Amino acid sequence: MSTVDLHSYCGVKQVFAYAEGSEILSAFHHLVTVLLIGVSVVSTAILILILALSIYGRMHEAGVLFSIGLPKRNIVAQFIMEVLCVAIIALVLSFPVSRFILEIVESGLFYQLRPQNLIEQVTFQHPDQRTAKGVLPGLNAGRLILLCGAQLGITALAVLASAVTVIRLKPRDILARIS
């Protein structure tokens, strides 16, 4: 008589409870994605406003640089480089902090959505679906590089949009405004 390998079979209980929980997590994933896009748009608008005020406050500096013969392109490039240096430092420092906060929020939010009996009773699902990991958008190396590049690009465009007053005016007009 041959023995039966019980590890090759899996029992399924409460499939409907798992399906309901999986739909909730999927809907939550979409909600988080929409919220991230919304926050990105609003923060870009705020960034443009803050940079516009900052560059307008530095109009005197731009006028002095114009008076010594620096072209507008170099002055705007200086503004962009200054902001990008700060943005790179902020991006590097934000990843460990946001990762720590994400782990706290994720464990708190999904504590009630993943009761131990549901995880133990539903044994047929993929191993990544046994916990709530993966519901919040994840970052691999490719996405991380794309995200950083996009953020730096958006920041550079925000500086350009904010520097319209410097680009639009003639050096004589800027120097006249300073007086």
Foldseek 3Di string as FASTA:
>chain_A
DDDDDCVVDDAADPPVLLVVLVVVLQVLLVVLVVVVVVVVVVVLVVLLVVLLVVVVVCLVVLLVCVVVPDDLVVVLVVSLVVQLVVLVVCLVVVVVVVVVVVVVVQCVVCVVSQDPVVLVNGDPDDPVSSGSPPSHPDDDPVNSVVVSVVVSVSSSVSSVSSCCVSVVDDSVVSVVVVD
